[in-house]
PDB file of N, CA and C in Angstrom:
ATOM      1  N   UNK A   1     111.065  35.517 177.729  1.00  0.00           N
ATOM      2  CA  UNK A   1     111.290  36.230 176.533  1.00  0.00           C
ATOM      3  C   UNK A   1     109.869  36.520 176.069  1.00  0.00           C
ATOM      4  N   UNK A   2     109.669  37.832 175.435  1.00  0.00           N
ATOM      5  CA  UNK A   2     108.560  38.375 174.836  1.00  0.00           C
ATOM      6  C   UNK A   2     108.873  38.665 173.381  1.00  0.00           C
ATOM      7  N   UNK A   3     108.004  38.126 172.433  1.00  0.00           N
ATOM      8  CA  UNK A   3     108.176  38.404 171.022  1.00  0.00           C
ATOM      9  C   UNK A   3     106.873  38.808 170.516  1.00  0.00           C
ATOM     10  N   UNK A   4     107.106  39.762 169.653  1.00  0.00           N
ATOM     11  CA  UNK A   4     106.009  40.314 168.846  1.00  0.00           C
ATOM     12  C   UNK A   4     106.249  40.341 167.555  1.00  0.00           C
ATOM     13  N   UNK A   5     105.301  40.041 166.603  1.00  0.00           N
ATOM     14  CA  UNK A   5     105.480  40.252 165.077  1.00  0.00           C
ATOM     15  C   UNK A   5     104.398  41.283 164.852  1.00  0.00           C
ATOM     16  N   UNK A   6     104.922  42.418 164.274  1.00  0.00           N
ATOM     17  CA  UNK A   6     104.213  43.508 163.895  1.00  0.00           C
ATOM     18  C   UNK A   6     104.005  43.412 162.429  1.00  0.00           C
ATOM     19  N   UNK A   7     102.628  43.207 162.101  1.00  0.00           N
ATOM     20  CA  UNK A   7     102.205  43.063 160.725  1.00  0.00           C
ATOM     21  C   UNK A   7     100.765  43.242 160.485  1.00  0.00           C
ATOM     22  N   UNK A   8     100.435  43.501 159.175  1.00  0.00           N
ATOM     23  CA  UNK A   8      99.029  43.771 158.612  1.00  0.00           C
ATOM     24  C   UNK A   8      98.416  42.499 158.282  1.00  0.00           C
ATOM     25  N   UNK A   9      98.986  41.446 158.223  1.00  0.00           N
ATOM     26  CA  UNK A   9      98.258  40.281 157.739  1.00  0.00           C
ATOM     27  C   UNK A   9      98.836  39.799 156.277  1.00  0.00           C
ATOM     28  N   UNK A  10      99.664  40.425 155.811  1.00  0.00           N
ATOM     29  CA  UNK A  10     100.309  40.060 154.465  1.00  0.00           C
ATOM     30  C   UNK A  10     101.046  38.863 154.580  1.00  0.00           C
ATOM     31  N   UNK A  11     101.252  38.117 153.387  1.00  0.00           N
ATOM     32  CA  UNK A  11     101.986  36.865 153.426  1.00  0.00           C
ATOM     33  C   UNK A  11     103.371  36.935 154.234  1.00  0.00           C
ATOM     34  N   UNK A  12     104.108  37.868 154.003  1.00  0.00           N
ATOM     35  CA  UNK A  12     105.485  38.004 154.663  1.00  0.00           C
ATOM     36  C   UNK A  12     105.217  38.007 156.214  1.00  0.00           C
ATOM     37  N   UNK A  13     104.259  38.756 156.662  1.00  0.00           N
ATOM     38  CA  UNK A  13     104.085  38.864 158.063  1.00  0.00           C
ATOM     39  C   UNK A  13     103.554  37.637 158.681  1.00  0.00           C
ATOM     40  N   UNK A  14     102.661  36.777 157.898  1.00  0.00           N
ATOM     41  CA  UNK A  14     102.185  35.599 158.409  1.00  0.00           C
ATOM     42  C   UNK A  14     103.470  34.575 158.385  1.00  0.00           C
ATOM     43  N   UNK A  15     104.254  34.684 157.487  1.00  0.00           N
ATOM     44  CA  UNK A  15     105.351  33.813 157.379  1.00  0.00           C
ATOM     45  C   UNK A  15     106.422  34.027 158.491  1.00  0.00           C
ATOM     46  N   UNK A  16     106.669  35.254 158.825  1.00  0.00           N
ATOM     47  CA  UNK A  16     107.366  35.581 159.988  1.00  0.00           C
ATOM     48  C   UNK A  16     106.933  35.000 161.228  1.00  0.00           C
ATOM     49  N   UNK A  17     105.572  35.207 161.449  1.00  0.00           N
ATOM     50  CA  UNK A  17     104.887  34.582 162.602  1.00  0.00           C
ATOM     51  C   UNK A  17     104.990  33.041 162.678  1.00  0.00           C
ATOM     52  N   UNK A  18     104.863  32.465 161.585  1.00  0.00           N
ATOM     53  CA  UNK A  18     104.929  30.945 161.386  1.00  0.00           C
ATOM     54  C   UNK A  18     106.324  30.541 161.704  1.00  0.00           C
ATOM     55  N   UNK A  19     107.478  31.254 161.133  1.00  0.00           N
ATOM     56  CA  UNK A  19     108.902  30.993 161.481  1.00  0.00           C
ATOM     57  C   UNK A  19     109.244  31.036 162.871  1.00  0.00           C
ATOM     58  N   UNK A  20     108.702  32.115 163.539  1.00  0.00           N
ATOM     59  CA  UNK A  20     108.972  32.299 164.909  1.00  0.00           C
ATOM     60  C   UNK A  20     108.397  31.252 165.808  1.00  0.00           C
ATOM     61  N   UNK A  21     107.154  30.972 165.641  1.00  0.00           N
ATOM     62  CA  UNK A  21     106.481  29.823 166.381  1.00  0.00           C
ATOM     63  C   UNK A  21     107.172  28.538 166.083  1.00  0.00           C
ATOM     64  N   UNK A  22     107.524  28.194 164.815  1.00  0.00           N
ATOM     65  CA  UNK A  22     108.223  26.862 164.601  1.00  0.00           C
ATOM     66  C   UNK A  22     109.676  26.900 165.411  1.00  0.00           C
ATOM     67  N   UNK A  23     110.309  28.033 165.199  1.00  0.00           N
ATOM     68  CA  UNK A  23     111.749  28.090 165.772  1.00  0.00           C
ATOM     69  C   UNK A  23     111.613  27.813 167.270  1.00  0.00           C
ATOM     70  N   UNK A  24     110.657  28.538 167.866  1.00  0.00           N
ATOM     71  CA  UNK A  24     110.661  28.383 169.368  1.00  0.00           C
ATOM     72  C   UNK A  24     110.209  27.004 169.749  1.00  0.00           C
ATOM     73  N   UNK A  25     109.319  26.473 168.980  1.00  0.00           N
ATOM     74  CA  UNK A  25     108.922  25.021 169.381  1.00  0.00           C
ATOM     75  C   UNK A  25     110.068  24.030 169.114  1.00  0.00           C
ATOM     76  N   UNK A  26     110.713  24.291 168.068  1.00  0.00           N
ATOM     77  CA  UNK A  26     111.681  23.343 167.642  1.00  0.00           C
ATOM     78  C   UNK A  26     112.928  23.207 168.663  1.00  0.00           C
ATOM     79  N   UNK A  27     113.235  24.562 169.212  1.00  0.00           N
ATOM     80  CA  UNK A  27     114.344  24.611 170.217  1.00  0.00           C
ATOM     81  C   UNK A  27     113.870  24.343 171.541  1.00  0.00           C
ATOM     82  N   UNK A  28     112.582  24.408 171.847  1.00  0.00           N
ATOM     83  CA  UNK A  28     112.065  24.343 173.179  1.00  0.00           C
ATOM     84  C   UNK A  28     112.239  25.612 174.006  1.00  0.00           C
ATOM     85  N   UNK A  29     112.297  26.726 173.267  1.00  0.00           N
ATOM     86  CA  UNK A  29     112.459  27.958 174.097  1.00  0.00           C
ATOM     87  C   UNK A  29     111.069  28.404 174.551  1.00  0.00           C
ATOM     88  N   UNK A  30     110.918  28.949 175.771  1.00  0.00           N
ATOM     89  CA  UNK A  30     109.735  29.629 176.208  1.00  0.00           C
ATOM     90  C   UNK A  30     109.546  31.005 175.965  1.00  0.00           C
ATOM     91  N   UNK A  31     108.495  31.474 175.383  1.00  0.00           N
ATOM     92  CA  UNK A  31     108.324  32.842 174.901  1.00  0.00           C
ATOM     93  C   UNK A  31     106.927  33.109 174.784  1.00  0.00           C
ATOM     94  N   UNK A  32     106.459  34.293 175.165  1.00  0.00           N
ATOM     95  CA  UNK A  32     105.208  34.702 174.923  1.00  0.00           C
ATOM     96  C   UNK A  32     105.261  35.472 173.486  1.00  0.00           C
ATOM     97  N   UNK A  33     104.451  34.992 172.605  1.00  0.00           N
ATOM     98  CA  UNK A  33     104.447  35.350 171.224  1.00  0.00           C
ATOM     99  C   UNK A  33     103.073  36.123 171.031  1.00  0.00           C
ATOM    100  N   UNK A  34     103.271  37.223 170.415  1.00  0.00           N
ATOM    101  CA  UNK A  34     101.967  38.109 170.031  1.00  0.00           C
ATOM    102  C   UNK A  34     102.057  38.554 168.581  1.00  0.00           C
ATOM    103  N   UNK A  35     101.038  38.525 167.838  1.00  0.00           N
ATOM    104  CA  UNK A  35     100.842  38.957 166.568  1.00  0.00           C
ATOM    105  C   UNK A  35     100.166  40.367 166.601  1.00  0.00           C
ATOM    106  N   UNK A  36     100.776  41.463 166.479  1.00  0.00           N
ATOM    107  CA  UNK A  36     100.068  42.738 166.504  1.00  0.00           C
ATOM    108  C   UNK A  36      99.797  43.322 165.166  1.00  0.00           C
ATOM    109  N   UNK A  37      98.521  43.430 165.000  1.00  0.00           N
ATOM    110  CA  UNK A  37      98.091  43.992 163.582  1.00  0.00           C
ATOM    111  C   UNK A  37      97.408  45.379 163.803  1.00  0.00           C
ATOM    112  N   UNK A  38      97.266  45.972 165.012  1.00  0.00           N
ATOM    113  CA  UNK A  38      96.782  47.195 165.060  1.00  0.00           C
ATOM    114  C   UNK A  38      97.846  48.267 164.469  1.00  0.00           C
ATOM    115  N   UNK A  39      97.352  49.155 163.693  1.00  0.00           N
ATOM    116  CA  UNK A  39      98.300  50.104 163.156  1.00  0.00           C
ATOM    117  C   UNK A  39      98.710  51.074 164.132  1.00  0.00           C
ATOM    118  N   UNK A  40      98.003  51.485 164.968  1.00  0.00           N
ATOM    119  CA  UNK A  40      98.494  52.399 166.097  1.00  0.00           C
ATOM    120  C   UNK A  40      99.461  51.908 166.964  1.00  0.00           C
ATOM    121  N   UNK A  41      99.304  50.599 167.374  1.00  0.00           N
ATOM    122  CA  UNK A  41     100.377  49.970 168.067  1.00  0.00           C
ATOM    123  C   UNK A  41     101.522  49.706 167.382  1.00  0.00           C
ATOM    124  N   UNK A  42     101.455  49.296 166.063  1.00  0.00           N
ATOM    125  CA  UNK A  42     102.639  49.295 165.231  1.00  0.00           C
ATOM    126  C   UNK A  42     103.409  50.596 165.046  1.00  0.00           C
ATOM    127  N   UNK A  43     102.685  51.726 164.886  1.00  0.00           N
ATOM    128  CA  UNK A  43     103.400  52.937 164.772  1.00  0.00           C
ATOM    129  C   UNK A  43     104.081  53.311 165.897  1.00  0.00           C
ATOM    130  N   UNK A  44     103.427  52.958 167.141  1.00  0.00           N
ATOM    131  CA  UNK A  44     103.868  53.257 168.431  1.00  0.00           C
ATOM    132  C   UNK A  44     105.503  52.800 168.662  1.00  0.00           C
ATOM    133  N   UNK A  45     105.752  51.617 167.815  1.00  0.00           N
ATOM    134  CA  UNK A  45     107.306  51.155 167.863  1.00  0.00           C
ATOM    135  C   UNK A  45     108.110  51.923 166.867  1.00  0.00           C
ATOM    136  N   UNK A  46     107.539  52.838 166.148  1.00  0.00           N
ATOM    137  CA  UNK A  46     108.350  53.605 165.357  1.00  0.00           C
ATOM    138  C   UNK A  46     108.459  52.887 163.954  1.00  0.00           C
ATOM    139  N   UNK A  47     107.772  51.872 163.672  1.00  0.00           N
ATOM    140  CA  UNK A  47     107.710  51.012 162.508  1.00  0.00           C
ATOM    141  C   UNK A  47     106.889  51.553 161.483  1.00  0.00           C
ATOM    142  N   UNK A  48     107.353  51.849 160.197  1.00  0.00           N
ATOM    143  CA  UNK A  48     106.577  52.184 159.207  1.00  0.00           C
ATOM    144  C   UNK A  48     106.345  51.272 158.109  1.00  0.00           C
ATOM    145  N   UNK A  49     107.058  50.158 158.131  1.00  0.00           N
ATOM    146  CA  UNK A  49     106.844  48.973 157.144  1.00  0.00           C
ATOM    147  C   UNK A  49     106.825  47.692 157.927  1.00  0.00           C
ATOM    148  N   UNK A  50     106.133  46.776 157.410  1.00  0.00           N
ATOM    149  CA  UNK A  50     106.026  45.340 158.228  1.00  0.00           C
ATOM    150  C   UNK A  50     106.325  44.217 157.277  1.00  0.00           C
ATOM    151  N   UNK A  51     106.660  43.105 157.714  1.00  0.00           N
ATOM    152  CA  UNK A  51     106.640  42.819 159.085  1.00  0.00           C
ATOM    153  C   UNK A  51     107.973  43.387 159.914  1.00  0.00           C
ATOM    154  N   UNK A  52     107.759  43.325 161.128  1.00  0.00           N
ATOM    155  CA  UNK A  52     108.730  43.680 162.133  1.00  0.00           C
ATOM    156  C   UNK A  52     108.826  42.803 163.266  1.00  0.00           C
ATOM    157  N   UNK A  53     109.988  42.396 163.647  1.00  0.00           N
ATOM    158  CA  UNK A  53     110.236  41.456 165.016  1.00  0.00           C
ATOM    159  C   UNK A  53     110.650  42.260 166.004  1.00  0.00           C
ATOM    160  N   UNK A  54     109.994  42.155 167.087  1.00  0.00           N
ATOM    161  CA  UNK A  54     110.177  42.762 168.193  1.00  0.00           C
ATOM    162  C   UNK A  54     110.513  41.834 169.286  1.00  0.00           C
ATOM    163  N   UNK A  55     111.620  41.780 170.094  1.00  0.00           N
ATOM    164  CA  UNK A  55     112.096  41.059 171.090  1.00  0.00           C
ATOM    165  C   UNK A  55     112.251  41.688 172.446  1.00  0.00           C
ATOM    166  N   UNK A  56     111.522  41.394 173.556  1.00  0.00           N
ATOM    167  CA  UNK A  56     111.656  42.180 174.693  1.00  0.00           C
ATOM    168  C   UNK A  56     111.472  43.776 174.439  1.00  0.00           C
ATOM    169  N   UNK A  57     110.489  43.985 173.729  1.00  0.00           N
ATOM    170  CA  UNK A  57     110.106  45.455 173.328  1.00  0.00           C
ATOM    171  C   UNK A  57     111.148  46.122 172.520  1.00  0.00           C
ATOM    172  N   UNK A  58     112.149  45.516 171.949  1.00  0.00           N
ATOM    173  CA  UNK A  58     113.059  46.218 171.055  1.00  0.00           C
ATOM    174  C   UNK A  58     112.856  45.737 169.672  1.00  0.00           C
ATOM    175  N   UNK A  59     112.811  46.618 168.814  1.00  0.00           N
ATOM    176  CA  UNK A  59     112.595  46.252 167.218  1.00  0.00           C
ATOM    177  C   UNK A  59     113.893  45.654 166.920  1.00  0.00           C
ATOM    178  N   UNK A  60     113.937  44.488 166.514  1.00  0.00           N
ATOM    179  CA  UNK A  60     115.317  43.797 166.109  1.00  0.00           C
ATOM    180  C   UNK A  60     115.377  43.510 164.603  1.00  0.00           C
ATOM    181  N   UNK A  61     114.324  43.448 163.758  1.00  0.00           N
ATOM    182  CA  UNK A  61     114.263  43.183 162.490  1.00  0.00           C
ATOM    183  C   UNK A  61     113.167  43.941 161.772  1.00  0.00           C
ATOM    184  N   UNK A  62     113.426  44.489 160.626  1.00  0.00           N
ATOM    185  CA  UNK A  62     112.402  44.772 159.705  1.00  0.00           C
ATOM    186  C   UNK A  62     112.361  44.167 158.311  1.00  0.00           C
ATOM    187  N   UNK A  63     111.345  43.618 158.065  1.00  0.00           N
ATOM    188  CA  UNK A  63     111.243  42.983 156.845  1.00  0.00           C
ATOM    189  C   UNK A  63     111.502  41.415 157.227  1.00  0.00           C
ATOM    190  N   UNK A  64     110.800  40.513 156.394  1.00  0.00           N
ATOM    191  CA  UNK A  64     111.094  39.087 156.576  1.00  0.00           C
ATOM    192  C   UNK A  64     112.308  38.635 155.871  1.00  0.00           C
ATOM    193  N   UNK A  65     113.442  38.300 156.667  1.00  0.00           N
ATOM    194  CA  UNK A  65     114.719  37.970 155.997  1.00  0.00           C
ATOM    195  C   UNK A  65     114.935  36.560 156.007  1.00  0.00           C
ATOM    196  N   UNK A  66     113.894  35.788 156.543  1.00  0.00           N
ATOM    197  CA  UNK A  66     114.253  34.334 156.531  1.00  0.00           C
ATOM    198  C   UNK A  66     114.357  33.708 157.811  1.00  0.00           C
ATOM    199  N   UNK A  67     114.193  32.382 157.967  1.00  0.00           N
ATOM    200  CA  UNK A  67     114.134  31.918 159.317  1.00  0.00           C
ATOM    201  C   UNK A  67     115.569  31.681 159.878  1.00  0.00           C
ATOM    202  N   UNK A  68     116.576  31.693 159.087  1.00  0.00           N
ATOM    203  CA  UNK A  68     117.958  31.667 159.632  1.00  0.00           C
ATOM    204  C   UNK A  68     118.231  32.931 160.535  1.00  0.00           C
ATOM    205  N   UNK A  69     117.912  34.143 159.940  1.00  0.00           N
ATOM    206  CA  UNK A  69     118.154  35.339 160.618  1.00  0.00           C
ATOM    207  C   UNK A  69     117.191  35.546 161.745  1.00  0.00           C
ATOM    208  N   UNK A  70     115.930  35.063 161.648  1.00  0.00           N
ATOM    209  CA  UNK A  70     115.099  35.106 162.839  1.00  0.00           C
ATOM    210  C   UNK A  70     115.703  34.306 163.920  1.00  0.00           C
ATOM    211  N   UNK A  71     116.055  33.065 163.627  1.00  0.00           N
ATOM    212  CA  UNK A  71     116.637  32.098 164.565  1.00  0.00           C
ATOM    213  C   UNK A  71     117.754  32.798 165.341  1.00  0.00           C
ATOM    214  N   UNK A  72     118.796  33.462 164.565  1.00  0.00           N
ATOM    215  CA  UNK A  72     119.899  34.034 164.982  1.00  0.00           C
ATOM    216  C   UNK A  72     119.549  35.230 166.114  1.00  0.00           C
ATOM    217  N   UNK A  73     118.432  35.868 165.852  1.00  0.00           N
ATOM    218  CA  UNK A  73     118.124  36.903 166.717  1.00  0.00           C
ATOM    219  C   UNK A  73     117.445  36.430 168.006  1.00  0.00           C
ATOM    220  N   UNK A  74     116.693  35.332 167.824  1.00  0.00           N
ATOM    221  CA  UNK A  74     116.249  34.673 169.100  1.00  0.00           C
ATOM    222  C   UNK A  74     117.133  34.104 169.711  1.00  0.00           C
ATOM    223  N   UNK A  75     118.276  33.393 169.226  1.00  0.00           N
ATOM    224  CA  UNK A  75     119.376  32.793 169.880  1.00  0.00           C
ATOM    225  C   UNK A  75     120.158  33.900 170.649  1.00  0.00           C
ATOM    226  N   UNK A  76     120.516  34.982 170.048  1.00  0.00           N
ATOM    227  CA  UNK A  76     121.199  36.047 170.843  1.00  0.00           C
ATOM    228  C   UNK A  76     120.464  36.494 171.951  1.00  0.00           C
ATOM    229  N   UNK A  77     119.354  36.651 171.937  1.00  0.00           N
ATOM    230  CA  UNK A  77     118.230  36.970 173.112  1.00  0.00           C
ATOM    231  C   UNK A  77     118.400  36.012 174.242  1.00  0.00           C
ATOM    232  N   UNK A  78     118.244  34.676 173.734  1.00  0.00           N
ATOM    233  CA  UNK A  78     118.389  33.411 174.724  1.00  0.00           C
ATOM    234  C   UNK A  78     119.562  33.637 175.467  1.00  0.00           C
ATOM    235  N   UNK A  79     120.706  33.876 174.703  1.00  0.00           N
ATOM    236  CA  UNK A  79     122.170  33.677 175.233  1.00  0.00           C
ATOM    237  C   UNK A  79     122.268  34.917 176.167  1.00  0.00           C
ATOM    238  N   UNK A  80     121.853  36.179 175.782  1.00  0.00           N
ATOM    239  CA  UNK A  80     122.115  37.299 176.768  1.00  0.00           C
ATOM    240  C   UNK A  80     121.203  37.061 177.898  1.00  0.00           C
ATOM    241  N   UNK A  81     120.036  36.392 177.919  1.00  0.00           N
ATOM    242  CA  UNK A  81     119.312  36.207 179.006  1.00  0.00           C
ATOM    243  C   UNK A  81     119.895  35.277 180.036  1.00  0.00           C
ATOM    244  N   UNK A  82     120.624  34.255 179.386  1.00  0.00           N
ATOM    245  CA  UNK A  82     121.072  33.227 180.342  1.00  0.00           C
ATOM    246  C   UNK A  82     122.319  33.680 181.112  1.00  0.00           C
ATOM    247  N   UNK A  83     123.106  34.914 180.489  1.00  0.00           N
ATOM    248  CA  UNK A  83     124.182  35.520 181.181  1.00  0.00           C
ATOM    249  C   UNK A  83     123.832  36.433 182.173  1.00  0.00           C
ATOM    250  N   UNK A  84     122.508  36.689 182.403  1.00  0.00           N
ATOM    251  CA  UNK A  84     122.113  37.807 183.440  1.00  0.00           C
ATOM    252  C   UNK A  84     122.202  37.300 184.702  1.00  0.00           C
TER     253      UNK A  84
END
């Protein structure tokens, strides 16, 4: 799984990054995590506000909605990857 947090360094962006890394570590899930701060790369995803959560190159969340929603998105991806 490839996870990107698109953000400009604001507290909400850093909070999303911290939540993602904490959840992955707690669950023992393997993923490449990248924090993308380059505006041109962020805009290339069609994102105009941050933070944004990108899983396997698909934008799945805009705005930091809390760790429960992030965990749900990660879990859904893990479940779908297991069934392939």
